[in-house]
């Protein structure tokens, strides 16, 4: 999957939710580039801001998009770990 396909999937994921893609275009590009770099390195789209262990069972929670609503950062700041998604 390339970056534009992933961006479309993320935008669709936001539809009907109380969150959106980060409106800072430059920041959004950096995060998407980071996810694509992780994909090139590992074969999976991991959060670019978190360290993987190489153990899929341990790293599964780091796949992007993650289950960000359970994270403390979402509850306190209204954004996912890497700020790809922000509350509307």
PDB file of N, CA and C in Angstrom:
ATOM      1  N   UNK A   1       0.853  -1.167   0.000  1.00  0.00           N
ATOM      2  CA  UNK A   1       0.000   0.000   0.000  1.00  0.00           C
ATOM      3  C   UNK A   1       0.902   1.234   0.000  1.00  0.00           C
ATOM      4  N   UNK A   2       0.532   2.221  -0.799  1.00  0.00           N
ATOM      5  CA  UNK A   2       1.312   3.448  -0.811  1.00  0.00           C
ATOM      6  C   UNK A   2       0.689   4.506   0.106  1.00  0.00           C
ATOM      7  N   UNK A   3       1.377   5.622   0.242  1.00  0.00           N
ATOM      8  CA  UNK A   3       0.957   6.650   1.178  1.00  0.00           C
ATOM      9  C   UNK A   3      -0.423   7.213   0.852  1.00  0.00           C
ATOM     10  N   UNK A   4      -0.713   7.443  -0.412  1.00  0.00           N
ATOM     11  CA  UNK A   4      -2.013   8.012  -0.779  1.00  0.00           C
ATOM     12  C   UNK A   4      -3.155   7.037  -0.490  1.00  0.00           C
ATOM     13  N   UNK A   5      -2.916   5.762  -0.731  1.00  0.00           N
ATOM     14  CA  UNK A   5      -3.936   4.759  -0.396  1.00  0.00           C
ATOM     15  C   UNK A   5      -4.176   4.726   1.107  1.00  0.00           C
ATOM     16  N   UNK A   6      -3.093   4.781   1.872  1.00  0.00           N
ATOM     17  CA  UNK A   6      -3.230   4.767   3.319  1.00  0.00           C
ATOM     18  C   UNK A   6      -3.950   6.022   3.808  1.00  0.00           C
ATOM     19  N   UNK A   7      -3.637   7.176   3.219  1.00  0.00           N
ATOM     20  CA  UNK A   7      -4.320   8.420   3.581  1.00  0.00           C
ATOM     21  C   UNK A   7      -5.829   8.292   3.325  1.00  0.00           C
ATOM     22  N   UNK A   8      -6.204   7.713   2.197  1.00  0.00           N
ATOM     23  CA  UNK A   8      -7.630   7.523   1.882  1.00  0.00           C
ATOM     24  C   UNK A   8      -8.295   6.598   2.895  1.00  0.00           C
ATOM     25  N   UNK A   9      -7.630   5.529   3.247  1.00  0.00           N
ATOM     26  CA  UNK A   9      -8.175   4.595   4.231  1.00  0.00           C
ATOM     27  C   UNK A   9      -8.362   5.298   5.576  1.00  0.00           C
ATOM     28  N   UNK A  10      -7.378   6.083   5.975  1.00  0.00           N
ATOM     29  CA  UNK A  10      -7.477   6.812   7.246  1.00  0.00           C
ATOM     30  C   UNK A  10      -8.611   7.832   7.196  1.00  0.00           C
ATOM     31  N   UNK A  11      -8.771   8.514   6.076  1.00  0.00           N
ATOM     32  CA  UNK A  11      -9.858   9.486   5.933  1.00  0.00           C
ATOM     33  C   UNK A  11     -11.208   8.778   6.015  1.00  0.00           C
ATOM     34  N   UNK A  12     -11.324   7.619   5.387  1.00  0.00           N
ATOM     35  CA  UNK A  12     -12.569   6.846   5.458  1.00  0.00           C
ATOM     36  C   UNK A  12     -12.825   6.373   6.885  1.00  0.00           C
ATOM     37  N   UNK A  13     -11.763   6.002   7.579  1.00  0.00           N
ATOM     38  CA  UNK A  13     -11.863   5.557   8.964  1.00  0.00           C
ATOM     39  C   UNK A  13     -12.457   6.660   9.840  1.00  0.00           C
ATOM     40  N   UNK A  14     -12.167   7.912   9.496  1.00  0.00           N
ATOM     41  CA  UNK A  14     -12.657   9.062  10.263  1.00  0.00           C
ATOM     42  C   UNK A  14     -14.142   9.350  10.029  1.00  0.00           C
ATOM     43  N   UNK A  15     -14.664   8.920   8.880  1.00  0.00           N
ATOM     44  CA  UNK A  15     -16.037   9.252   8.524  1.00  0.00           C
ATOM     45  C   UNK A  15     -17.008   8.767   9.594  1.00  0.00           C
ATOM     46  N   UNK A  16     -17.852   9.673  10.050  1.00  0.00           N
ATOM     47  CA  UNK A  16     -18.865   9.335  11.035  1.00  0.00           C
ATOM     48  C   UNK A  16     -18.352   9.281  12.461  1.00  0.00           C
ATOM     49  N   UNK A  17     -17.064   9.513  12.646  1.00  0.00           N
ATOM     50  CA  UNK A  17     -16.497   9.463  13.983  1.00  0.00           C
ATOM     51  C   UNK A  17     -16.367  10.855  14.584  1.00  0.00           C
ATOM     52  N   UNK A  18     -15.893  10.898  15.806  1.00  0.00           N
ATOM     53  CA  UNK A  18     -15.680  12.175  16.474  1.00  0.00           C
ATOM     54  C   UNK A  18     -14.235  12.628  16.337  1.00  0.00           C
ATOM     55  N   UNK A  19     -13.528  12.097  15.351  1.00  0.00           N
ATOM     56  CA  UNK A  19     -12.129  12.415  15.121  1.00  0.00           C
ATOM     57  C   UNK A  19     -11.890  12.645  13.636  1.00  0.00           C
ATOM     58  N   UNK A  20     -10.757  13.267  13.333  1.00  0.00           N
ATOM     59  CA  UNK A  20     -10.383  13.586  11.955  1.00  0.00           C
ATOM     60  C   UNK A  20      -8.871  13.439  11.822  1.00  0.00           C
ATOM     61  N   UNK A  21      -8.404  13.462  10.582  1.00  0.00           N
ATOM     62  CA  UNK A  21      -6.962  13.508  10.370  1.00  0.00           C
ATOM     63  C   UNK A  21      -6.436  14.845  10.869  1.00  0.00           C
ATOM     64  N   UNK A  22      -5.223  14.846  11.336  1.00  0.00           N
ATOM     65  CA  UNK A  22      -4.609  16.067  11.835  1.00  0.00           C
ATOM     66  C   UNK A  22      -4.672  17.142  10.741  1.00  0.00           C
ATOM     67  N   UNK A  23      -5.192  18.337  11.046  1.00  0.00           N
ATOM     68  CA  UNK A  23      -5.343  19.379  10.028  1.00  0.00           C
ATOM     69  C   UNK A  23      -4.035  20.065   9.637  1.00  0.00           C
ATOM     70  N   UNK A  24      -2.960  19.833  10.387  1.00  0.00           N
ATOM     71  CA  UNK A  24      -1.656  20.409  10.048  1.00  0.00           C
ATOM     72  C   UNK A  24      -1.063  19.577   8.909  1.00  0.00           C
ATOM     73  N   UNK A  25      -1.139  20.101   7.681  1.00  0.00           N
ATOM     74  CA  UNK A  25      -0.759  19.339   6.489  1.00  0.00           C
ATOM     75  C   UNK A  25       0.685  18.849   6.529  1.00  0.00           C
ATOM     76  N   UNK A  26       1.610  19.686   6.950  1.00  0.00           N
ATOM     77  CA  UNK A  26       3.016  19.285   6.995  1.00  0.00           C
ATOM     78  C   UNK A  26       3.233  18.185   8.028  1.00  0.00           C
ATOM     79  N   UNK A  27       2.603  18.331   9.187  1.00  0.00           N
ATOM     80  CA  UNK A  27       2.722  17.318  10.229  1.00  0.00           C
ATOM     81  C   UNK A  27       2.121  15.997   9.751  1.00  0.00           C
ATOM     82  N   UNK A  28       0.948  16.078   9.128  1.00  0.00           N
ATOM     83  CA  UNK A  28       0.278  14.881   8.617  1.00  0.00           C
ATOM     84  C   UNK A  28       1.177  14.147   7.629  1.00  0.00           C
ATOM     85  N   UNK A  29       1.824  14.880   6.731  1.00  0.00           N
ATOM     86  CA  UNK A  29       2.733  14.259   5.762  1.00  0.00           C
ATOM     87  C   UNK A  29       3.869  13.538   6.475  1.00  0.00           C
ATOM     88  N   UNK A  30       4.424  14.166   7.510  1.00  0.00           N
ATOM     89  CA  UNK A  30       5.520  13.536   8.259  1.00  0.00           C
ATOM     90  C   UNK A  30       5.068  12.228   8.907  1.00  0.00           C
ATOM     91  N   UNK A  31       3.888  12.236   9.499  1.00  0.00           N
ATOM     92  CA  UNK A  31       3.387  11.017  10.149  1.00  0.00           C
ATOM     93  C   UNK A  31       3.130   9.933   9.109  1.00  0.00           C
ATOM     94  N   UNK A  32       2.484  10.293   8.017  1.00  0.00           N
ATOM     95  CA  UNK A  32       2.221   9.303   6.959  1.00  0.00           C
ATOM     96  C   UNK A  32       3.522   8.750   6.385  1.00  0.00           C
ATOM     97  N   UNK A  33       4.512   9.617   6.204  1.00  0.00           N
ATOM     98  CA  UNK A  33       5.825   9.151   5.737  1.00  0.00           C
ATOM     99  C   UNK A  33       6.428   8.178   6.742  1.00  0.00           C
ATOM    100  N   UNK A  34       6.275   8.466   8.026  1.00  0.00           N
ATOM    101  CA  UNK A  34       6.791   7.578   9.061  1.00  0.00           C
ATOM    102  C   UNK A  34       6.128   6.215   9.044  1.00  0.00           C
ATOM    103  N   UNK A  35       4.820   6.199   8.846  1.00  0.00           N
ATOM    104  CA  UNK A  35       4.104   4.919   8.753  1.00  0.00           C
ATOM    105  C   UNK A  35       4.594   4.138   7.533  1.00  0.00           C
ATOM    106  N   UNK A  36       4.790   4.829   6.423  1.00  0.00           N
ATOM    107  CA  UNK A  36       5.269   4.160   5.214  1.00  0.00           C
ATOM    108  C   UNK A  36       6.700   3.642   5.397  1.00  0.00           C
ATOM    109  N   UNK A  37       7.514   4.367   6.148  1.00  0.00           N
ATOM    110  CA  UNK A  37       8.864   3.902   6.428  1.00  0.00           C
ATOM    111  C   UNK A  37       8.820   2.628   7.262  1.00  0.00           C
ATOM    112  N   UNK A  38       7.957   2.602   8.281  1.00  0.00           N
ATOM    113  CA  UNK A  38       7.804   1.391   9.100  1.00  0.00           C
ATOM    114  C   UNK A  38       7.342   0.223   8.232  1.00  0.00           C
ATOM    115  N   UNK A  39       6.424   0.504   7.299  1.00  0.00           N
ATOM    116  CA  UNK A  39       5.946  -0.550   6.410  1.00  0.00           C
ATOM    117  C   UNK A  39       7.087  -1.086   5.560  1.00  0.00           C
ATOM    118  N   UNK A  40       7.930  -0.198   5.039  1.00  0.00           N
ATOM    119  CA  UNK A  40       9.062  -0.631   4.219  1.00  0.00           C
ATOM    120  C   UNK A  40      10.051  -1.470   5.037  1.00  0.00           C
ATOM    121  N   UNK A  41      10.234  -1.100   6.296  1.00  0.00           N
ATOM    122  CA  UNK A  41      11.192  -1.800   7.153  1.00  0.00           C
ATOM    123  C   UNK A  41      10.669  -3.125   7.687  1.00  0.00           C
ATOM    124  N   UNK A  42       9.372  -3.170   8.019  1.00  0.00           N
ATOM    125  CA  UNK A  42       8.837  -4.339   8.724  1.00  0.00           C
ATOM    126  C   UNK A  42       7.789  -5.115   7.939  1.00  0.00           C
ATOM    127  N   UNK A  43       7.235  -4.478   6.900  1.00  0.00           N
ATOM    128  CA  UNK A  43       6.155  -5.103   6.163  1.00  0.00           C
ATOM    129  C   UNK A  43       4.783  -4.788   6.738  1.00  0.00           C
ATOM    130  N   UNK A  44       4.751  -4.065   7.876  1.00  0.00           N
ATOM    131  CA  UNK A  44       3.493  -3.699   8.533  1.00  0.00           C
ATOM    132  C   UNK A  44       3.483  -2.209   8.815  1.00  0.00           C
ATOM    133  N   UNK A  45       2.288  -1.644   8.878  1.00  0.00           N
ATOM    134  CA  UNK A  45       2.145  -0.204   9.109  1.00  0.00           C
ATOM    135  C   UNK A  45       2.042   0.072  10.605  1.00  0.00           C
ATOM    136  N   UNK A  46       3.186   0.167  11.244  1.00  0.00           N
ATOM    137  CA  UNK A  46       3.237   0.475  12.664  1.00  0.00           C
ATOM    138  C   UNK A  46       3.257   1.983  12.872  1.00  0.00           C
ATOM    139  N   UNK A  47       2.814   2.400  14.048  1.00  0.00           N
ATOM    140  CA  UNK A  47       2.899   3.793  14.447  1.00  0.00           C
ATOM    141  C   UNK A  47       4.352   4.230  14.341  1.00  0.00           C
ATOM    142  N   UNK A  48       4.612   5.355  13.689  1.00  0.00           N
ATOM    143  CA  UNK A  48       6.000   5.784  13.523  1.00  0.00           C
ATOM    144  C   UNK A  48       6.623   6.328  14.804  1.00  0.00           C
ATOM    145  N   UNK A  49       5.825   6.575  15.808  1.00  0.00           N
ATOM    146  CA  UNK A  49       6.313   7.211  17.034  1.00  0.00           C
ATOM    147  C   UNK A  49       6.562   6.223  18.162  1.00  0.00           C
ATOM    148  N   UNK A  50       6.398   4.955  17.880  1.00  0.00           N
ATOM    149  CA  UNK A  50       6.555   3.961  18.950  1.00  0.00           C
ATOM    150  C   UNK A  50       7.552   2.900  18.504  1.00  0.00           C
ATOM    151  N   UNK A  51       8.299   2.374  19.440  1.00  0.00           N
ATOM    152  CA  UNK A  51       9.318   1.380  19.139  1.00  0.00           C
ATOM    153  C   UNK A  51       8.712  -0.016  19.130  1.00  0.00           C
ATOM    154  N   UNK A  52       9.018  -0.756  18.094  1.00  0.00           N
ATOM    155  CA  UNK A  52       8.563  -2.143  17.997  1.00  0.00           C
ATOM    156  C   UNK A  52       9.649  -3.059  18.559  1.00  0.00           C
ATOM    157  N   UNK A  53       9.214  -4.247  18.963  1.00  0.00           N
ATOM    158  CA  UNK A  53      10.152  -5.212  19.535  1.00  0.00           C
ATOM    159  C   UNK A  53      10.584  -6.262  18.524  1.00  0.00           C
ATOM    160  N   UNK A  54       9.798  -6.415  17.457  1.00  0.00           N
ATOM    161  CA  UNK A  54      10.047  -7.487  16.501  1.00  0.00           C
ATOM    162  C   UNK A  54       9.193  -8.708  16.793  1.00  0.00           C
ATOM    163  N   UNK A  55       8.518  -8.707  17.915  1.00  0.00           N
ATOM    164  CA  UNK A  55       7.619  -9.789  18.306  1.00  0.00           C
ATOM    165  C   UNK A  55       6.195  -9.344  17.968  1.00  0.00           C
ATOM    166  N   UNK A  56       5.601  -9.963  16.962  1.00  0.00           N
ATOM    167  CA  UNK A  56       4.289  -9.535  16.483  1.00  0.00           C
ATOM    168  C   UNK A  56       3.253  -9.505  17.589  1.00  0.00           C
ATOM    169  N   UNK A  57       3.265 -10.496  18.471  1.00  0.00           N
ATOM    170  CA  UNK A  57       2.283 -10.547  19.557  1.00  0.00           C
ATOM    171  C   UNK A  57       2.391  -9.324  20.472  1.00  0.00           C
ATOM    172  N   UNK A  58       3.612  -8.870  20.718  1.00  0.00           N
ATOM    173  CA  UNK A  58       3.815  -7.693  21.555  1.00  0.00           C
ATOM    174  C   UNK A  58       3.536  -6.401  20.792  1.00  0.00           C
ATOM    175  N   UNK A  59       3.806  -6.416  19.498  1.00  0.00           N
ATOM    176  CA  UNK A  59       3.717  -5.200  18.681  1.00  0.00           C
ATOM    177  C   UNK A  59       2.355  -4.970  18.038  1.00  0.00           C
ATOM    178  N   UNK A  60       1.452  -5.922  18.129  1.00  0.00           N
ATOM    179  CA  UNK A  60       0.169  -5.810  17.441  1.00  0.00           C
ATOM    180  C   UNK A  60      -0.593  -4.539  17.829  1.00  0.00           C
ATOM    181  N   UNK A  61      -0.440  -4.095  19.053  1.00  0.00           N
ATOM    182  CA  UNK A  61      -1.127  -2.878  19.501  1.00  0.00           C
ATOM    183  C   UNK A  61      -0.548  -1.618  18.879  1.00  0.00           C
ATOM    184  N   UNK A  62       0.576  -1.740  18.200  1.00  0.00           N
ATOM    185  CA  UNK A  62       1.240  -0.584  17.595  1.00  0.00           C
ATOM    186  C   UNK A  62       0.890  -0.411  16.120  1.00  0.00           C
ATOM    187  N   UNK A  63       0.067  -1.314  15.583  1.00  0.00           N
ATOM    188  CA  UNK A  63      -0.347  -1.185  14.186  1.00  0.00           C
ATOM    189  C   UNK A  63      -1.180   0.076  14.023  1.00  0.00           C
ATOM    190  N   UNK A  64      -0.991   0.763  12.919  1.00  0.00           N
ATOM    191  CA  UNK A  64      -1.701   2.011  12.659  1.00  0.00           C
ATOM    192  C   UNK A  64      -2.831   1.750  11.659  1.00  0.00           C
ATOM    193  N   UNK A  65      -4.037   2.206  11.940  1.00  0.00           N
ATOM    194  CA  UNK A  65      -4.419   2.952  13.131  1.00  0.00           C
ATOM    195  C   UNK A  65      -4.566   2.032  14.331  1.00  0.00           C
ATOM    196  N   UNK A  66      -4.090   2.531  15.449  1.00  0.00           N
ATOM    197  CA  UNK A  66      -4.149   1.776  16.695  1.00  0.00           C
ATOM    198  C   UNK A  66      -5.510   1.999  17.369  1.00  0.00           C
ATOM    199  N   UNK A  67      -5.698   1.357  18.495  1.00  0.00           N
ATOM    200  CA  UNK A  67      -6.923   1.536  19.270  1.00  0.00           C
ATOM    201  C   UNK A  67      -6.710   2.734  20.187  1.00  0.00           C
ATOM    202  N   UNK A  68      -6.706   3.918  19.572  1.00  0.00           N
ATOM    203  CA  UNK A  68      -6.289   5.124  20.281  1.00  0.00           C
ATOM    204  C   UNK A  68      -7.271   5.612  21.329  1.00  0.00           C
ATOM    205  N   UNK A  69      -8.512   5.240  21.238  1.00  0.00           N
ATOM    206  CA  UNK A  69      -9.489   5.719  22.221  1.00  0.00           C
ATOM    207  C   UNK A  69      -9.213   5.187  23.628  1.00  0.00           C
ATOM    208  N   UNK A  70      -8.434   4.141  23.726  1.00  0.00           N
ATOM    209  CA  UNK A  70      -8.087   3.578  25.039  1.00  0.00           C
ATOM    210  C   UNK A  70      -6.845   4.244  25.631  1.00  0.00           C
ATOM    211  N   UNK A  71      -6.173   5.060  24.859  1.00  0.00           N
ATOM    212  CA  UNK A  71      -4.927   5.674  25.311  1.00  0.00           C
ATOM    213  C   UNK A  71      -5.193   6.902  26.176  1.00  0.00           C
ATOM    214  N   UNK A  72      -4.322   7.109  27.127  1.00  0.00           N
ATOM    215  CA  UNK A  72      -4.428   8.269  28.006  1.00  0.00           C
ATOM    216  C   UNK A  72      -4.293   9.574  27.225  1.00  0.00           C
ATOM    217  N   UNK A  73      -3.439   9.578  26.211  1.00  0.00           N
ATOM    218  CA  UNK A  73      -3.255  10.797  25.414  1.00  0.00           C
ATOM    219  C   UNK A  73      -4.555  11.205  24.732  1.00  0.00           C
ATOM    220  N   UNK A  74      -5.330  10.239  24.278  1.00  0.00           N
ATOM    221  CA  UNK A  74      -6.617  10.551  23.646  1.00  0.00           C
ATOM    222  C   UNK A  74      -7.555  11.186  24.674  1.00  0.00           C
ATOM    223  N   UNK A  75      -7.567  10.611  25.856  1.00  0.00           N
ATOM    224  CA  UNK A  75      -8.468  11.087  26.904  1.00  0.00           C
ATOM    225  C   UNK A  75      -8.093  12.482  27.402  1.00  0.00           C
ATOM    226  N   UNK A  76      -6.805  12.784  27.449  1.00  0.00           N
ATOM    227  CA  UNK A  76      -6.372  14.071  27.998  1.00  0.00           C
ATOM    228  C   UNK A  76      -6.126  15.146  26.951  1.00  0.00           C
ATOM    229  N   UNK A  77      -5.628  14.757  25.777  1.00  0.00           N
ATOM    230  CA  UNK A  77      -5.262  15.748  24.758  1.00  0.00           C
ATOM    231  C   UNK A  77      -6.110  15.679  23.499  1.00  0.00           C
ATOM    232  N   UNK A  78      -6.899  14.613  23.359  1.00  0.00           N
ATOM    233  CA  UNK A  78      -7.761  14.495  22.189  1.00  0.00           C
ATOM    234  C   UNK A  78      -7.023  14.165  20.911  1.00  0.00           C
ATOM    235  N   UNK A  79      -5.970  13.376  21.044  1.00  0.00           N
ATOM    236  CA  UNK A  79      -5.243  12.939  19.854  1.00  0.00           C
ATOM    237  C   UNK A  79      -4.645  11.569  20.115  1.00  0.00           C
ATOM    238  N   UNK A  80      -4.399  10.844  19.049  1.00  0.00           N
ATOM    239  CA  UNK A  80      -3.795   9.524  19.190  1.00  0.00           C
ATOM    240  C   UNK A  80      -2.318   9.684  19.514  1.00  0.00           C
ATOM    241  N   UNK A  81      -1.642   8.569  19.716  1.00  0.00           N
ATOM    242  CA  UNK A  81      -0.254   8.593  20.145  1.00  0.00           C
ATOM    243  C   UNK A  81       0.621   9.472  19.257  1.00  0.00           C
ATOM    244  N   UNK A  82       0.506   9.329  17.940  1.00  0.00           N
ATOM    245  CA  UNK A  82       1.365  10.081  17.010  1.00  0.00           C
ATOM    246  C   UNK A  82       0.685  11.337  16.471  1.00  0.00           C
ATOM    247  N   UNK A  83      -0.537  11.588  16.909  1.00  0.00           N
ATOM    248  CA  UNK A  83      -1.335  12.749  16.487  1.00  0.00           C
ATOM    249  C   UNK A  83      -1.794  12.684  15.041  1.00  0.00           C
ATOM    250  N   UNK A  84      -1.833  11.499  14.469  1.00  0.00           N
ATOM    251  CA  UNK A  84      -2.416  11.322  13.133  1.00  0.00           C
ATOM    252  C   UNK A  84      -3.903  11.655  13.196  1.00  0.00           C
ATOM    253  N   UNK A  85      -4.557  11.191  14.263  1.00  0.00           N
ATOM    254  CA  UNK A  85      -5.978  11.462  14.474  1.00  0.00           C
ATOM    255  C   UNK A  85      -6.151  12.418  15.637  1.00  0.00           C
ATOM    256  N   UNK A  86      -7.046  13.370  15.462  1.00  0.00           N
ATOM    257  CA  UNK A  86      -7.362  14.345  16.512  1.00  0.00           C
ATOM    258  C   UNK A  86      -8.883  14.440  16.646  1.00  0.00           C
ATOM    259  N   UNK A  87      -9.323  14.784  17.858  1.00  0.00           N
ATOM    260  CA  UNK A  87     -10.764  14.971  18.061  1.00  0.00           C
ATOM    261  C   UNK A  87     -11.239  16.142  17.223  1.00  0.00           C
ATOM    262  N   UNK A  88     -12.463  16.019  16.721  1.00  0.00           N
ATOM    263  CA  UNK A  88     -13.057  17.111  15.949  1.00  0.00           C
ATOM    264  C   UNK A  88     -13.419  18.254  16.871  1.00  0.00           C
TER     265      UNK A  88
END
